[in-house]
Amino acid sequence: MDFEPYLLFDGKCEEALNFYKGIFGGNIELMRWSDAPKDAGGPPVTEETKNRVMHGRFKADGIAFMAGDATPGKTYGEGPISLSVGLTDVAAADRIFNALGAGGNVEMPMQEMFWGAKFGMLTDKYGIDWMVNCELKK
């Protein structure tokens, strides 16, 4: 069984997936609304939506999630979920945290925590909440 979060974006899915690819490496698969057969059901494809991502998948070493551009009119708000990246290399954790935070909002800078890890939280420039946790060697 696989468990993969599904991230929704407001017209910036492809841009966001390329941003994550630049940080984590990996591969992206995309299917646009205009790729769907006309009789497939779902919302009608318009000039506004034809190049939006109907379904995408991001996969890198130890990371996998699906994503797409939400249909127009979908409202966004804070959700009760964050994506968490677990590492054991402090330099890699700092690099990933700083890259994800570029243009976003750092809520808690990377710092040593009482549970024996370096930890930080942020919201990236696409509105996705992230936690980066790096176990420190004992």
C-alpha atoms as a PDB file:
ATOM      1  CA  MET A   1       0.000   0.000   0.000  1.00  0.00           C
ATOM      2  CA  ASP A   2       1.205   3.512  -0.808  1.00  0.00           C
ATOM      3  CA  PHE A   3       0.094   6.671   0.954  1.00  0.00           C
ATOM      4  CA  GLU A   4       0.641   9.844  -1.056  1.00  0.00           C
ATOM      5  CA  PRO A   5      -0.651  13.293  -0.152  1.00  0.00           C
ATOM      6  CA  TYR A   6      -2.467  15.202  -2.905  1.00  0.00           C
ATOM      7  CA  LEU A   7      -1.562  18.885  -3.080  1.00  0.00           C
ATOM      8  CA  LEU A   8      -3.859  21.421  -4.752  1.00  0.00           C
ATOM      9  CA  PHE A   9      -2.652  24.645  -6.316  1.00  0.00           C
ATOM     10  CA  ASP A  10      -4.396  27.669  -7.790  1.00  0.00           C
ATOM     11  CA  GLY A  11      -2.986  27.475 -11.314  1.00  0.00           C
ATOM     12  CA  LYS A  12       0.648  27.082 -10.225  1.00  0.00           C
ATOM     13  CA  CYS A  13       0.971  23.302  -9.942  1.00  0.00           C
ATOM     14  CA  GLU A  14       3.575  22.875 -12.685  1.00  0.00           C
ATOM     15  CA  GLU A  15       5.627  25.780 -11.335  1.00  0.00           C
ATOM     16  CA  ALA A  16       5.463  24.369  -7.796  1.00  0.00           C
ATOM     17  CA  LEU A  17       6.442  20.842  -8.876  1.00  0.00           C
ATOM     18  CA  ASN A  18       9.439  22.237 -10.758  1.00  0.00           C
ATOM     19  CA  PHE A  19      10.363  24.208  -7.616  1.00  0.00           C
ATOM     20  CA  TYR A  20      10.302  20.975  -5.568  1.00  0.00           C
ATOM     21  CA  LYS A  21      12.250  19.140  -8.286  1.00  0.00           C
ATOM     22  CA  GLY A  22      14.939  21.810  -8.039  1.00  0.00           C
ATOM     23  CA  ILE A  23      15.206  21.136  -4.303  1.00  0.00           C
ATOM     24  CA  PHE A  24      14.806  17.349  -4.091  1.00  0.00           C
ATOM     25  CA  GLY A  25      15.679  16.164  -7.621  1.00  0.00           C
ATOM     26  CA  GLY A  26      13.343  13.472  -8.920  1.00  0.00           C
ATOM     27  CA  ASN A  27      10.771  13.290 -11.688  1.00  0.00           C
ATOM     28  CA  ILE A  28       7.489  14.961 -12.564  1.00  0.00           C
ATOM     29  CA  GLU A  29       4.569  13.532 -14.535  1.00  0.00           C
ATOM     30  CA  LEU A  30       1.835  15.913 -15.735  1.00  0.00           C
ATOM     31  CA  MET A  31      -1.570  15.540 -17.352  1.00  0.00           C
ATOM     32  CA  ARG A  32      -3.342  18.749 -18.377  1.00  0.00           C
ATOM     33  CA  TRP A  33      -7.084  19.360 -18.474  1.00  0.00           C
ATOM     34  CA  SER A  34      -6.801  19.642 -22.272  1.00  0.00           C
ATOM     35  CA  ASP A  35      -5.422  16.054 -22.374  1.00  0.00           C
ATOM     36  CA  ALA A  36      -8.708  14.612 -21.074  1.00  0.00           C
ATOM     37  CA  PRO A  37     -11.210  13.186 -23.590  1.00  0.00           C
ATOM     38  CA  LYS A  38     -14.163  15.526 -24.102  1.00  0.00           C
ATOM     39  CA  ASP A  39     -16.622  12.912 -22.798  1.00  0.00           C
ATOM     40  CA  ALA A  40     -14.560  12.021 -19.693  1.00  0.00           C
ATOM     41  CA  GLY A  41     -16.824  13.912 -17.310  1.00  0.00           C
ATOM     42  CA  GLY A  42     -15.685  16.482 -14.812  1.00  0.00           C
ATOM     43  CA  PRO A  43     -15.726  20.238 -15.229  1.00  0.00           C
ATOM     44  CA  PRO A  44     -15.711  21.682 -18.747  1.00  0.00           C
ATOM     45  CA  VAL A  45     -12.313  22.617 -20.171  1.00  0.00           C
ATOM     46  CA  THR A  46     -12.110  26.350 -20.852  1.00  0.00           C
ATOM     47  CA  GLU A  47      -9.431  28.716 -22.140  1.00  0.00           C
ATOM     48  CA  GLU A  48      -8.655  29.464 -18.483  1.00  0.00           C
ATOM     49  CA  THR A  49      -8.262  25.807 -17.492  1.00  0.00           C
ATOM     50  CA  LYS A  50      -6.955  24.026 -20.602  1.00  0.00           C
ATOM     51  CA  ASN A  51      -3.276  24.343 -19.634  1.00  0.00           C
ATOM     52  CA  ARG A  52      -3.814  23.756 -15.931  1.00  0.00           C
ATOM     53  CA  VAL A  53      -2.587  20.499 -14.443  1.00  0.00           C
ATOM     54  CA  MET A  54      -5.439  18.029 -14.029  1.00  0.00           C
ATOM     55  CA  HIS A  55      -3.165  15.502 -12.340  1.00  0.00           C
ATOM     56  CA  GLY A  56       0.519  15.447 -11.563  1.00  0.00           C
ATOM     57  CA  ARG A  57       2.901  13.246  -9.665  1.00  0.00           C
ATOM     58  CA  PHE A  58       6.223  14.074  -8.069  1.00  0.00           C
ATOM     59  CA  LYS A  59       8.644  11.339  -7.098  1.00  0.00           C
ATOM     60  CA  ALA A  60      12.154  11.614  -5.675  1.00  0.00           C
ATOM     61  CA  ASP A  61      14.250   9.459  -3.359  1.00  0.00           C
ATOM     62  CA  GLY A  62      11.933   8.729  -0.410  1.00  0.00           C
ATOM     63  CA  ILE A  63       9.352  11.348  -1.458  1.00  0.00           C
ATOM     64  CA  ALA A  64       6.172  10.916  -3.468  1.00  0.00           C
ATOM     65  CA  PHE A  65       3.043  13.012  -3.772  1.00  0.00           C
ATOM     66  CA  MET A  66       0.356  13.813  -6.286  1.00  0.00           C
ATOM     67  CA  ALA A  67      -0.797  17.300  -7.206  1.00  0.00           C
ATOM     68  CA  GLY A  68      -3.067  19.286  -9.460  1.00  0.00           C
ATOM     69  CA  ASP A  69      -4.546  22.697 -10.112  1.00  0.00           C
ATOM     70  CA  ALA A  70      -7.872  23.087  -8.361  1.00  0.00           C
ATOM     71  CA  THR A  71     -10.904  23.931 -10.439  1.00  0.00           C
ATOM     72  CA  PRO A  72     -11.710  27.665 -10.614  1.00  0.00           C
ATOM     73  CA  GLY A  73     -13.762  28.867  -7.670  1.00  0.00           C
ATOM     74  CA  LYS A  74     -12.117  26.502  -5.179  1.00  0.00           C
ATOM     75  CA  THR A  75     -11.371  28.413  -2.002  1.00  0.00           C
ATOM     76  CA  TYR A  76      -8.222  27.903   0.017  1.00  0.00           C
ATOM     77  CA  GLY A  77      -7.639  28.164   3.713  1.00  0.00           C
ATOM     78  CA  GLU A  78      -5.310  26.781   6.272  1.00  0.00           C
ATOM     79  CA  GLY A  79      -5.594  23.051   6.455  1.00  0.00           C
ATOM     80  CA  PRO A  80      -4.660  20.735   9.300  1.00  0.00           C
ATOM     81  CA  ILE A  81      -1.675  19.183   7.518  1.00  0.00           C
ATOM     82  CA  SER A  82       2.037  19.809   6.967  1.00  0.00           C
ATOM     83  CA  LEU A  83       4.496  17.854   4.862  1.00  0.00           C
ATOM     84  CA  SER A  84       7.449  16.646   6.915  1.00  0.00           C
ATOM     85  CA  VAL A  85      10.946  15.915   5.630  1.00  0.00           C
ATOM     86  CA  GLY A  86      13.153  13.751   7.856  1.00  0.00           C
ATOM     87  CA  LEU A  87      16.923  13.829   7.439  1.00  0.00           C
ATOM     88  CA  THR A  88      20.124  12.871   9.247  1.00  0.00           C
ATOM     89  CA  ASP A  89      22.479  15.294   7.445  1.00  0.00           C
ATOM     90  CA  VAL A  90      22.443  18.800   8.979  1.00  0.00           C
ATOM     91  CA  ALA A  91      23.866  20.505   5.880  1.00  0.00           C
ATOM     92  CA  ALA A  92      21.197  18.868   3.683  1.00  0.00           C
ATOM     93  CA  ALA A  93      18.465  19.809   6.171  1.00  0.00           C
ATOM     94  CA  ASP A  94      19.590  23.442   6.208  1.00  0.00           C
ATOM     95  CA  ARG A  95      19.817  23.536   2.394  1.00  0.00           C
ATOM     96  CA  ILE A  96      16.327  22.050   1.969  1.00  0.00           C
ATOM     97  CA  PHE A  97      14.810  24.307   4.639  1.00  0.00           C
ATOM     98  CA  ASN A  98      16.336  27.438   3.090  1.00  0.00           C
ATOM     99  CA  ALA A  99      15.299  26.429  -0.432  1.00  0.00           C
ATOM    100  CA  LEU A 100      11.708  25.668   0.610  1.00  0.00           C
ATOM    101  CA  GLY A 101      11.548  28.925   2.563  1.00  0.00           C
ATOM    102  CA  ALA A 102      12.719  31.123  -0.331  1.00  0.00           C
ATOM    103  CA  GLY A 103       9.838  33.488  -1.037  1.00  0.00           C
ATOM    104  CA  GLY A 104       7.722  31.857   1.655  1.00  0.00           C
ATOM    105  CA  ASN A 105       7.152  32.440   5.365  1.00  0.00           C
ATOM    106  CA  VAL A 106       9.484  30.910   7.940  1.00  0.00           C
ATOM    107  CA  GLU A 107       7.398  30.267  11.038  1.00  0.00           C
ATOM    108  CA  MET A 108      10.163  28.659  13.090  1.00  0.00           C
ATOM    109  CA  PRO A 109      13.796  28.849  11.937  1.00  0.00           C
ATOM    110  CA  MET A 110      15.905  25.694  12.012  1.00  0.00           C
ATOM    111  CA  GLN A 111      17.154  25.221  15.564  1.00  0.00           C
ATOM    112  CA  GLU A 112      18.265  22.485  17.925  1.00  0.00           C
ATOM    113  CA  MET A 113      15.321  21.046  19.827  1.00  0.00           C
ATOM    114  CA  PHE A 114      14.981  19.168  23.105  1.00  0.00           C
ATOM    115  CA  TRP A 115      14.154  15.875  21.341  1.00  0.00           C
ATOM    116  CA  GLY A 116      17.623  15.658  19.800  1.00  0.00           C
ATOM    117  CA  ALA A 117      16.943  17.121  16.385  1.00  0.00           C
ATOM    118  CA  LYS A 118      17.373  20.305  14.426  1.00  0.00           C
ATOM    119  CA  PHE A 119      13.867  21.388  13.430  1.00  0.00           C
ATOM    120  CA  GLY A 120      12.093  24.193  11.584  1.00  0.00           C
ATOM    121  CA  MET A 121       8.661  25.009  10.126  1.00  0.00           C
ATOM    122  CA  LEU A 122       7.662  27.149   7.164  1.00  0.00           C
ATOM    123  CA  THR A 123       5.029  27.822   4.555  1.00  0.00           C
ATOM    124  CA  ASP A 124       6.483  27.840   1.044  1.00  0.00           C
ATOM    125  CA  LYS A 125       5.643  30.419  -1.622  1.00  0.00           C
ATOM    126  CA  TYR A 126       2.841  28.147  -2.900  1.00  0.00           C
ATOM    127  CA  GLY A 127       1.080  27.985   0.485  1.00  0.00           C
ATOM    128  CA  ILE A 128       2.246  24.462   1.415  1.00  0.00           C
ATOM    129  CA  ASP A 129       3.245  23.955   5.065  1.00  0.00           C
ATOM    130  CA  TRP A 130       6.507  22.077   5.683  1.00  0.00           C
ATOM    131  CA  MET A 131       8.380  20.754   8.704  1.00  0.00           C
ATOM    132  CA  VAL A 132      12.056  19.823   8.381  1.00  0.00           C
ATOM    133  CA  ASN A 133      13.420  17.535  11.096  1.00  0.00           C
ATOM    134  CA  CYS A 134      17.064  16.441  11.205  1.00  0.00           C
ATOM    135  CA  GLU A 135      18.016  13.842  13.812  1.00  0.00           C
ATOM    136  CA  LEU A 136      21.294  14.857  15.428  1.00  0.00           C
ATOM    137  CA  LYS A 137      23.945  12.237  16.018  1.00  0.00           C
ATOM    138  CA  LYS A 138      24.157  11.170  19.643  1.00  0.00           C
END
